[in-house]
């Protein structure tokens, strides 16, 4: 019996774009069914996000009655990082979920393009992360009275959407680790997110970091998302003046998404040749 040819990433023609989008919805729907199945875990993770965010924001409140800006500064950091971390985790751990559900062989050998697969996973990750972030915001507003009257909501939305694209590419590249290392690949993705947390200025300005860490912050998409969100919410910066954040994020996304697809499909072919497409490590 002839062996199935390994999936290769090809840019779809214009007539196939809509078909790719419709096919990718199957992965969006399947992942939401998984969330529904493991709803207990979702509640546990949501409680963890809420309590950890509250703990950080109460640090700002402990500084005194004039610490409203600090509370909002820390709040933006916790909420934005919770969103970006959710996008990154759902994409980088997609192979882990396939192994867990015992469907990795079926998914990776299915007669679909890898672009369709990645598009579905990425769309789910963004929508899912937005839903969790909204719930987190509602919980935080119950505990803290913050003034958002000067915030540029449109600019903040532009920052978060463009920033999501930059994180998609990073997540796809990180997803090769569980594919290559069946036993410890998931832990390696945690290391990447921890490094991004350290250098991106989630809870402090990047300027307090050592020089070599500041250089690393310049290539982290999270840095520009956080600084852009703080500019729009704390300072009310107009959308027309957000180019210093939007342009670097767009460049990172334009570079990392195709690079991530190339790296993933290359590693996928290697994994198929070496028998790493198995259900357990």
C-alpha atoms as a PDB file:
ATOM      1  CA  UNK A   1       0.000   0.000   0.000  1.00  0.00           C
ATOM      2  CA  UNK A   2       1.411   3.405  -0.967  1.00  0.00           C
ATOM      3  CA  UNK A   3       2.483   5.603   1.896  1.00  0.00           C
ATOM      4  CA  UNK A   4       0.674   8.897   2.479  1.00  0.00           C
ATOM      5  CA  UNK A   5       2.699  11.846   1.323  1.00  0.00           C
ATOM      6  CA  UNK A   6       3.764  14.223   4.098  1.00  0.00           C
ATOM      7  CA  UNK A   7       1.747  17.400   4.408  1.00  0.00           C
ATOM      8  CA  UNK A   8       3.397  20.421   2.878  1.00  0.00           C
ATOM      9  CA  UNK A   9       2.522  24.025   3.406  1.00  0.00           C
ATOM     10  CA  UNK A  10       1.436  25.773   0.222  1.00  0.00           C
ATOM     11  CA  UNK A  11      -0.073  29.197  -0.188  1.00  0.00           C
ATOM     12  CA  UNK A  12      -3.701  28.710  -1.247  1.00  0.00           C
ATOM     13  CA  UNK A  13      -4.976  30.182  -4.481  1.00  0.00           C
ATOM     14  CA  UNK A  14      -7.593  32.902  -4.298  1.00  0.00           C
ATOM     15  CA  UNK A  15     -10.375  30.469  -5.183  1.00  0.00           C
ATOM     16  CA  UNK A  16      -9.358  28.167  -2.313  1.00  0.00           C
ATOM     17  CA  UNK A  17      -9.150  30.766   0.447  1.00  0.00           C
ATOM     18  CA  UNK A  18     -12.813  30.490   1.431  1.00  0.00           C
ATOM     19  CA  UNK A  19     -12.593  26.697   1.390  1.00  0.00           C
ATOM     20  CA  UNK A  20      -9.578  26.843   3.713  1.00  0.00           C
ATOM     21  CA  UNK A  21     -11.444  29.114   6.116  1.00  0.00           C
ATOM     22  CA  UNK A  22     -14.530  26.869   6.172  1.00  0.00           C
ATOM     23  CA  UNK A  23     -12.422  23.758   6.692  1.00  0.00           C
ATOM     24  CA  UNK A  24     -10.492  25.406   9.518  1.00  0.00           C
ATOM     25  CA  UNK A  25     -13.745  25.946  11.407  1.00  0.00           C
ATOM     26  CA  UNK A  26     -13.780  22.214  12.153  1.00  0.00           C
ATOM     27  CA  UNK A  27     -10.729  22.692  14.386  1.00  0.00           C
ATOM     28  CA  UNK A  28     -12.307  25.708  16.081  1.00  0.00           C
ATOM     29  CA  UNK A  29     -15.451  23.701  16.836  1.00  0.00           C
ATOM     30  CA  UNK A  30     -13.511  20.639  17.996  1.00  0.00           C
ATOM     31  CA  UNK A  31     -11.389  22.660  20.417  1.00  0.00           C
ATOM     32  CA  UNK A  32     -14.458  24.302  21.928  1.00  0.00           C
ATOM     33  CA  UNK A  33     -15.925  20.841  22.458  1.00  0.00           C
ATOM     34  CA  UNK A  34     -12.726  19.944  24.330  1.00  0.00           C
ATOM     35  CA  UNK A  35     -13.118  23.038  26.511  1.00  0.00           C
ATOM     36  CA  UNK A  36     -16.701  21.976  27.226  1.00  0.00           C
ATOM     37  CA  UNK A  37     -15.571  18.455  28.127  1.00  0.00           C
ATOM     38  CA  UNK A  38     -12.941  19.702  30.574  1.00  0.00           C
ATOM     39  CA  UNK A  39     -15.026  22.558  31.979  1.00  0.00           C
ATOM     40  CA  UNK A  40     -13.826  21.811  35.517  1.00  0.00           C
ATOM     41  CA  UNK A  41     -10.267  22.569  34.518  1.00  0.00           C
ATOM     42  CA  UNK A  42     -11.351  25.752  32.778  1.00  0.00           C
ATOM     43  CA  UNK A  43     -12.986  26.997  35.972  1.00  0.00           C
ATOM     44  CA  UNK A  44      -9.881  26.098  37.964  1.00  0.00           C
ATOM     45  CA  UNK A  45      -7.598  27.971  35.541  1.00  0.00           C
ATOM     46  CA  UNK A  46      -9.929  30.974  35.518  1.00  0.00           C
ATOM     47  CA  UNK A  47      -9.922  31.130  39.326  1.00  0.00           C
ATOM     48  CA  UNK A  48      -6.132  30.886  39.276  1.00  0.00           C
ATOM     49  CA  UNK A  49      -5.894  33.781  36.790  1.00  0.00           C
ATOM     50  CA  UNK A  50      -8.273  35.922  38.818  1.00  0.00           C
ATOM     51  CA  UNK A  51      -6.555  35.324  42.159  1.00  0.00           C
ATOM     52  CA  UNK A  52      -3.039  35.808  40.765  1.00  0.00           C
ATOM     53  CA  UNK A  53      -4.115  39.032  39.014  1.00  0.00           C
ATOM     54  CA  UNK A  54      -5.755  40.332  42.195  1.00  0.00           C
ATOM     55  CA  UNK A  55      -2.616  39.521  44.179  1.00  0.00           C
ATOM     56  CA  UNK A  56      -0.468  41.585  41.820  1.00  0.00           C
ATOM     57  CA  UNK A  57      -2.894  44.522  41.767  1.00  0.00           C
ATOM     58  CA  UNK A  58      -3.143  44.586  45.569  1.00  0.00           C
ATOM     59  CA  UNK A  59       0.620  45.130  45.612  1.00  0.00           C
ATOM     60  CA  UNK A  60      -0.081  48.419  43.855  1.00  0.00           C
ATOM     61  CA  UNK A  61      -2.897  49.292  46.245  1.00  0.00           C
ATOM     62  CA  UNK A  62      -0.604  48.683  49.205  1.00  0.00           C
ATOM     63  CA  UNK A  63       1.556  51.608  48.069  1.00  0.00           C
ATOM     64  CA  UNK A  64      -1.046  54.104  49.295  1.00  0.00           C
ATOM     65  CA  UNK A  65      -4.109  56.036  48.247  1.00  0.00           C
ATOM     66  CA  UNK A  66      -2.253  57.782  45.395  1.00  0.00           C
ATOM     67  CA  UNK A  67      -1.340  54.506  43.716  1.00  0.00           C
ATOM     68  CA  UNK A  68      -4.242  54.411  41.222  1.00  0.00           C
ATOM     69  CA  UNK A  69      -1.890  54.664  38.250  1.00  0.00           C
ATOM     70  CA  UNK A  70       0.235  51.852  39.642  1.00  0.00           C
ATOM     71  CA  UNK A  71      -2.849  49.675  40.137  1.00  0.00           C
ATOM     72  CA  UNK A  72      -3.889  50.301  36.538  1.00  0.00           C
ATOM     73  CA  UNK A  73      -0.321  49.747  35.311  1.00  0.00           C
ATOM     74  CA  UNK A  74      -0.162  46.369  37.030  1.00  0.00           C
ATOM     75  CA  UNK A  75      -3.717  45.530  35.995  1.00  0.00           C
ATOM     76  CA  UNK A  76      -2.906  46.093  32.319  1.00  0.00           C
ATOM     77  CA  UNK A  77       0.138  43.875  32.702  1.00  0.00           C
ATOM     78  CA  UNK A  78      -1.769  40.998  34.306  1.00  0.00           C
ATOM     79  CA  UNK A  79      -4.733  41.116  31.919  1.00  0.00           C
ATOM     80  CA  UNK A  80      -2.702  41.518  28.735  1.00  0.00           C
ATOM     81  CA  UNK A  81      -0.264  38.796  29.760  1.00  0.00           C
ATOM     82  CA  UNK A  82      -3.153  36.451  30.646  1.00  0.00           C
ATOM     83  CA  UNK A  83      -4.509  36.988  27.126  1.00  0.00           C
ATOM     84  CA  UNK A  84      -1.176  36.565  25.335  1.00  0.00           C
ATOM     85  CA  UNK A  85      -0.288  33.544  27.468  1.00  0.00           C
ATOM     86  CA  UNK A  86      -3.616  31.906  26.568  1.00  0.00           C
ATOM     87  CA  UNK A  87      -3.014  32.481  22.836  1.00  0.00           C
ATOM     88  CA  UNK A  88       0.528  31.151  23.077  1.00  0.00           C
ATOM     89  CA  UNK A  89      -0.397  28.128  25.210  1.00  0.00           C
ATOM     90  CA  UNK A  90      -3.263  26.917  23.042  1.00  0.00           C
ATOM     91  CA  UNK A  91      -1.146  27.055  19.907  1.00  0.00           C
ATOM     92  CA  UNK A  92       2.109  25.730  21.354  1.00  0.00           C
ATOM     93  CA  UNK A  93       0.340  22.844  23.138  1.00  0.00           C
ATOM     94  CA  UNK A  94      -1.800  21.671  20.221  1.00  0.00           C
ATOM     95  CA  UNK A  95       0.371  18.570  19.745  1.00  0.00           C
ATOM     96  CA  UNK A  96       0.107  17.828  23.472  1.00  0.00           C
ATOM     97  CA  UNK A  97      -3.694  17.867  23.218  1.00  0.00           C
ATOM     98  CA  UNK A  98      -3.607  15.605  20.155  1.00  0.00           C
ATOM     99  CA  UNK A  99      -1.514  13.071  22.057  1.00  0.00           C
ATOM    100  CA  UNK A 100      -3.703  13.366  25.102  1.00  0.00           C
ATOM    101  CA  UNK A 101      -6.870  12.720  23.090  1.00  0.00           C
ATOM    102  CA  UNK A 102      -5.192   9.939  21.085  1.00  0.00           C
ATOM    103  CA  UNK A 103      -5.891  11.679  17.772  1.00  0.00           C
ATOM    104  CA  UNK A 104      -2.415  12.746  16.702  1.00  0.00           C
ATOM    105  CA  UNK A 105      -2.108  10.152  13.920  1.00  0.00           C
ATOM    106  CA  UNK A 106      -5.529  11.012  12.497  1.00  0.00           C
ATOM    107  CA  UNK A 107      -4.944  14.771  12.595  1.00  0.00           C
ATOM    108  CA  UNK A 108      -1.415  14.784  11.203  1.00  0.00           C
ATOM    109  CA  UNK A 109      -2.211  12.279   8.434  1.00  0.00           C
ATOM    110  CA  UNK A 110      -5.592  13.742   7.464  1.00  0.00           C
ATOM    111  CA  UNK A 111      -5.934  14.945   3.835  1.00  0.00           C
ATOM    112  CA  UNK A 112      -5.936  18.631   4.751  1.00  0.00           C
ATOM    113  CA  UNK A 113      -3.299  21.307   4.390  1.00  0.00           C
ATOM    114  CA  UNK A 114      -1.312  22.248   7.458  1.00  0.00           C
ATOM    115  CA  UNK A 115      -2.384  25.849   6.811  1.00  0.00           C
ATOM    116  CA  UNK A 116      -6.012  24.830   7.394  1.00  0.00           C
ATOM    117  CA  UNK A 117      -5.032  23.101  10.628  1.00  0.00           C
ATOM    118  CA  UNK A 118      -2.995  26.048  11.914  1.00  0.00           C
ATOM    119  CA  UNK A 119      -5.633  28.585  10.904  1.00  0.00           C
ATOM    120  CA  UNK A 120      -8.296  26.738  12.875  1.00  0.00           C
ATOM    121  CA  UNK A 121      -6.111  26.375  15.959  1.00  0.00           C
ATOM    122  CA  UNK A 122      -5.074  30.044  15.802  1.00  0.00           C
ATOM    123  CA  UNK A 123      -8.647  31.319  15.408  1.00  0.00           C
ATOM    124  CA  UNK A 124      -9.774  29.212  18.344  1.00  0.00           C
ATOM    125  CA  UNK A 125      -6.858  30.417  20.475  1.00  0.00           C
ATOM    126  CA  UNK A 126      -7.635  34.091  19.837  1.00  0.00           C
ATOM    127  CA  UNK A 127     -11.402  33.755  20.431  1.00  0.00           C
ATOM    128  CA  UNK A 128     -10.887  31.570  23.497  1.00  0.00           C
ATOM    129  CA  UNK A 129      -8.311  33.954  24.967  1.00  0.00           C
ATOM    130  CA  UNK A 130     -10.627  36.935  24.397  1.00  0.00           C
ATOM    131  CA  UNK A 131     -13.480  35.174  26.202  1.00  0.00           C
ATOM    132  CA  UNK A 132     -11.289  34.335  29.181  1.00  0.00           C
ATOM    133  CA  UNK A 133      -9.924  37.878  29.277  1.00  0.00           C
ATOM    134  CA  UNK A 134     -13.417  39.382  29.344  1.00  0.00           C
ATOM    135  CA  UNK A 135     -14.313  37.176  32.333  1.00  0.00           C
ATOM    136  CA  UNK A 136     -11.068  38.201  34.031  1.00  0.00           C
ATOM    137  CA  UNK A 137     -11.811  41.897  33.455  1.00  0.00           C
ATOM    138  CA  UNK A 138     -15.300  41.556  34.901  1.00  0.00           C
ATOM    139  CA  UNK A 139     -13.885  39.934  38.034  1.00  0.00           C
ATOM    140  CA  UNK A 140     -11.209  42.614  38.443  1.00  0.00           C
ATOM    141  CA  UNK A 141     -13.725  45.444  38.050  1.00  0.00           C
ATOM    142  CA  UNK A 142     -15.673  43.988  40.966  1.00  0.00           C
ATOM    143  CA  UNK A 143     -12.666  44.547  43.247  1.00  0.00           C
ATOM    144  CA  UNK A 144     -11.106  47.733  41.859  1.00  0.00           C
ATOM    145  CA  UNK A 145     -12.615  51.023  40.776  1.00  0.00           C
ATOM    146  CA  UNK A 146     -10.436  52.218  37.896  1.00  0.00           C
ATOM    147  CA  UNK A 147     -10.901  55.288  35.732  1.00  0.00           C
ATOM    148  CA  UNK A 148     -10.866  54.442  32.003  1.00  0.00           C
ATOM    149  CA  UNK A 149     -12.513  57.658  30.813  1.00  0.00           C
ATOM    150  CA  UNK A 150      -9.350  58.785  28.972  1.00  0.00           C
ATOM    151  CA  UNK A 151      -8.603  55.408  27.398  1.00  0.00           C
ATOM    152  CA  UNK A 152      -8.467  54.994  23.613  1.00  0.00           C
ATOM    153  CA  UNK A 153     -10.567  51.836  23.206  1.00  0.00           C
ATOM    154  CA  UNK A 154     -10.144  51.684  19.425  1.00  0.00           C
ATOM    155  CA  UNK A 155      -6.383  51.936  19.690  1.00  0.00           C
ATOM    156  CA  UNK A 156      -6.298  49.263  22.400  1.00  0.00           C
ATOM    157  CA  UNK A 157      -8.305  46.914  20.166  1.00  0.00           C
ATOM    158  CA  UNK A 158      -5.897  47.511  17.268  1.00  0.00           C
ATOM    159  CA  UNK A 159      -2.932  46.763  19.531  1.00  0.00           C
ATOM    160  CA  UNK A 160      -4.393  43.527  20.853  1.00  0.00           C
ATOM    161  CA  UNK A 161      -5.410  42.241  17.398  1.00  0.00           C
ATOM    162  CA  UNK A 162      -2.071  42.954  15.721  1.00  0.00           C
ATOM    163  CA  UNK A 163      -0.266  41.673  18.800  1.00  0.00           C
ATOM    164  CA  UNK A 164      -2.234  38.430  18.570  1.00  0.00           C
ATOM    165  CA  UNK A 165      -0.843  37.804  15.080  1.00  0.00           C
ATOM    166  CA  UNK A 166       2.714  38.283  16.314  1.00  0.00           C
ATOM    167  CA  UNK A 167       2.116  35.740  19.074  1.00  0.00           C
ATOM    168  CA  UNK A 168       0.589  33.222  16.659  1.00  0.00           C
ATOM    169  CA  UNK A 169       3.899  32.880  14.823  1.00  0.00           C
ATOM    170  CA  UNK A 170       5.845  32.425  18.064  1.00  0.00           C
ATOM    171  CA  UNK A 171       3.320  29.821  19.243  1.00  0.00           C
ATOM    172  CA  UNK A 172       3.568  27.817  16.013  1.00  0.00           C
ATOM    173  CA  UNK A 173       7.350  27.670  16.303  1.00  0.00           C
ATOM    174  CA  UNK A 174       7.080  26.583  19.952  1.00  0.00           C
ATOM    175  CA  UNK A 175       4.633  23.823  18.941  1.00  0.00           C
ATOM    176  CA  UNK A 176       7.478  21.876  17.313  1.00  0.00           C
ATOM    177  CA  UNK A 177       8.968  21.134  20.748  1.00  0.00           C
ATOM    178  CA  UNK A 178       6.241  18.675  21.847  1.00  0.00           C
ATOM    179  CA  UNK A 179       6.429  17.204  18.344  1.00  0.00           C
ATOM    180  CA  UNK A 180      10.180  16.612  18.614  1.00  0.00           C
ATOM    181  CA  UNK A 181      10.413  15.744  22.307  1.00  0.00           C
ATOM    182  CA  UNK A 182       7.488  13.517  23.161  1.00  0.00           C
ATOM    183  CA  UNK A 183       8.204  13.430  26.912  1.00  0.00           C
ATOM    184  CA  UNK A 184       9.469  16.920  27.801  1.00  0.00           C
ATOM    185  CA  UNK A 185       8.334  19.100  24.916  1.00  0.00           C
ATOM    186  CA  UNK A 186       5.441  20.622  26.861  1.00  0.00           C
ATOM    187  CA  UNK A 187       7.758  21.761  29.658  1.00  0.00           C
ATOM    188  CA  UNK A 188       9.992  23.430  27.065  1.00  0.00           C
ATOM    189  CA  UNK A 189       7.094  25.636  25.922  1.00  0.00           C
ATOM    190  CA  UNK A 190       6.729  26.819  29.533  1.00  0.00           C
ATOM    191  CA  UNK A 191      10.357  27.942  29.449  1.00  0.00           C
ATOM    192  CA  UNK A 192       9.677  30.102  26.379  1.00  0.00           C
ATOM    193  CA  UNK A 193       6.648  31.776  27.972  1.00  0.00           C
ATOM    194  CA  UNK A 194       8.626  32.331  31.195  1.00  0.00           C
ATOM    195  CA  UNK A 195      11.420  34.054  29.285  1.00  0.00           C
ATOM    196  CA  UNK A 196       8.895  36.278  27.508  1.00  0.00           C
ATOM    197  CA  UNK A 197       7.334  37.105  30.890  1.00  0.00           C
ATOM    198  CA  UNK A 198      10.746  38.095  32.260  1.00  0.00           C
ATOM    199  CA  UNK A 199      11.960  40.387  29.485  1.00  0.00           C
ATOM    200  CA  UNK A 200       8.712  41.934  28.211  1.00  0.00           C
ATOM    201  CA  UNK A 201       7.916  44.292  31.094  1.00  0.00           C
ATOM    202  CA  UNK A 202       4.685  42.684  32.264  1.00  0.00           C
ATOM    203  CA  UNK A 203       4.918  44.040  35.824  1.00  0.00           C
ATOM    204  CA  UNK A 204       7.697  46.625  35.462  1.00  0.00           C
ATOM    205  CA  UNK A 205       9.145  48.903  32.780  1.00  0.00           C
ATOM    206  CA  UNK A 206      11.738  47.341  30.500  1.00  0.00           C
ATOM    207  CA  UNK A 207      14.121  50.173  31.409  1.00  0.00           C
ATOM    208  CA  UNK A 208      14.855  48.579  34.822  1.00  0.00           C
ATOM    209  CA  UNK A 209      16.277  45.446  33.200  1.00  0.00           C
ATOM    210  CA  UNK A 210      19.989  44.888  32.501  1.00  0.00           C
ATOM    211  CA  UNK A 211      21.135  46.006  29.077  1.00  0.00           C
ATOM    212  CA  UNK A 212      21.265  42.533  27.544  1.00  0.00           C
ATOM    213  CA  UNK A 213      17.714  41.836  28.727  1.00  0.00           C
ATOM    214  CA  UNK A 214      16.527  45.105  27.188  1.00  0.00           C
ATOM    215  CA  UNK A 215      17.981  43.925  23.887  1.00  0.00           C
ATOM    216  CA  UNK A 216      15.945  40.717  24.223  1.00  0.00           C
ATOM    217  CA  UNK A 217      12.851  42.790  25.013  1.00  0.00           C
ATOM    218  CA  UNK A 218      13.181  44.547  21.662  1.00  0.00           C
ATOM    219  CA  UNK A 219      12.442  41.305  19.802  1.00  0.00           C
ATOM    220  CA  UNK A 220       9.640  40.159  22.096  1.00  0.00           C
ATOM    221  CA  UNK A 221       6.174  40.891  20.645  1.00  0.00           C
ATOM    222  CA  UNK A 222       4.761  41.040  24.176  1.00  0.00           C
ATOM    223  CA  UNK A 223       6.873  44.153  24.859  1.00  0.00           C
ATOM    224  CA  UNK A 224       5.119  46.135  22.150  1.00  0.00           C
ATOM    225  CA  UNK A 225       1.662  44.845  23.073  1.00  0.00           C
ATOM    226  CA  UNK A 226       2.114  45.848  26.714  1.00  0.00           C
ATOM    227  CA  UNK A 227       3.627  49.255  25.938  1.00  0.00           C
ATOM    228  CA  UNK A 228       0.949  49.945  23.332  1.00  0.00           C
ATOM    229  CA  UNK A 229      -1.883  48.971  25.680  1.00  0.00           C
ATOM    230  CA  UNK A 230      -0.471  51.152  28.445  1.00  0.00           C
ATOM    231  CA  UNK A 231      -0.117  54.052  26.022  1.00  0.00           C
ATOM    232  CA  UNK A 232      -3.748  53.784  24.903  1.00  0.00           C
ATOM    233  CA  UNK A 233      -5.261  53.171  28.354  1.00  0.00           C
ATOM    234  CA  UNK A 234      -3.032  55.172  30.714  1.00  0.00           C
ATOM    235  CA  UNK A 235      -2.162  58.061  28.386  1.00  0.00           C
ATOM    236  CA  UNK A 236      -5.047  57.942  25.907  1.00  0.00           C
ATOM    237  CA  UNK A 237      -2.627  57.978  22.957  1.00  0.00           C
ATOM    238  CA  UNK A 238      -4.497  58.372  19.665  1.00  0.00           C
ATOM    239  CA  UNK A 239      -4.499  55.532  17.174  1.00  0.00           C
ATOM    240  CA  UNK A 240      -2.577  57.602  14.620  1.00  0.00           C
ATOM    241  CA  UNK A 241       0.375  57.764  17.047  1.00  0.00           C
ATOM    242  CA  UNK A 242       0.574  54.024  17.716  1.00  0.00           C
ATOM    243  CA  UNK A 243       2.846  53.243  14.791  1.00  0.00           C
ATOM    244  CA  UNK A 244       5.839  52.697  17.074  1.00  0.00           C
ATOM    245  CA  UNK A 245       3.988  49.695  18.527  1.00  0.00           C
ATOM    246  CA  UNK A 246       1.879  48.492  15.592  1.00  0.00           C
ATOM    247  CA  UNK A 247       4.686  48.454  13.013  1.00  0.00           C
ATOM    248  CA  UNK A 248       7.119  46.264  15.039  1.00  0.00           C
ATOM    249  CA  UNK A 249       4.295  43.851  15.909  1.00  0.00           C
ATOM    250  CA  UNK A 250       3.207  43.630  12.284  1.00  0.00           C
ATOM    251  CA  UNK A 251       6.790  42.977  11.190  1.00  0.00           C
ATOM    252  CA  UNK A 252       7.247  40.275  13.839  1.00  0.00           C
ATOM    253  CA  UNK A 253       3.991  38.639  12.777  1.00  0.00           C
ATOM    254  CA  UNK A 254       4.868  38.845   9.072  1.00  0.00           C
ATOM    255  CA  UNK A 255       8.205  37.162   9.780  1.00  0.00           C
ATOM    256  CA  UNK A 256       7.284  34.604  12.430  1.00  0.00           C
ATOM    257  CA  UNK A 257       4.050  33.206  10.935  1.00  0.00           C
ATOM    258  CA  UNK A 258       5.550  31.990   7.626  1.00  0.00           C
ATOM    259  CA  UNK A 259       8.755  31.016   9.433  1.00  0.00           C
ATOM    260  CA  UNK A 260       6.711  29.091  11.993  1.00  0.00           C
ATOM    261  CA  UNK A 261       4.806  27.282   9.233  1.00  0.00           C
ATOM    262  CA  UNK A 262       8.060  26.359   7.492  1.00  0.00           C
ATOM    263  CA  UNK A 263       9.668  25.130  10.722  1.00  0.00           C
ATOM    264  CA  UNK A 264       6.590  23.162  11.759  1.00  0.00           C
ATOM    265  CA  UNK A 265       6.121  21.387   8.411  1.00  0.00           C
ATOM    266  CA  UNK A 266       9.838  20.587   8.265  1.00  0.00           C
ATOM    267  CA  UNK A 267       9.784  19.098  11.759  1.00  0.00           C
ATOM    268  CA  UNK A 268       6.523  17.304  10.954  1.00  0.00           C
ATOM    269  CA  UNK A 269       8.160  15.505   8.021  1.00  0.00           C
ATOM    270  CA  UNK A 270      11.080  14.570  10.265  1.00  0.00           C
ATOM    271  CA  UNK A 271       8.717  13.299  12.982  1.00  0.00           C
ATOM    272  CA  UNK A 272       6.883  11.118  10.478  1.00  0.00           C
ATOM    273  CA  UNK A 273      10.136   9.626   9.187  1.00  0.00           C
ATOM    274  CA  UNK A 274      11.412   8.858  12.692  1.00  0.00           C
ATOM    275  CA  UNK A 275       8.152   7.520  14.145  1.00  0.00           C
ATOM    276  CA  UNK A 276       7.488  10.334  16.604  1.00  0.00           C
ATOM    277  CA  UNK A 277       3.817  10.609  15.709  1.00  0.00           C
ATOM    278  CA  UNK A 278       2.703   8.420  18.559  1.00  0.00           C
ATOM    279  CA  UNK A 279       0.188   8.802  21.318  1.00  0.00           C
ATOM    280  CA  UNK A 280       2.613   8.715  24.247  1.00  0.00           C
ATOM    281  CA  UNK A 281       6.202   9.638  24.949  1.00  0.00           C
END
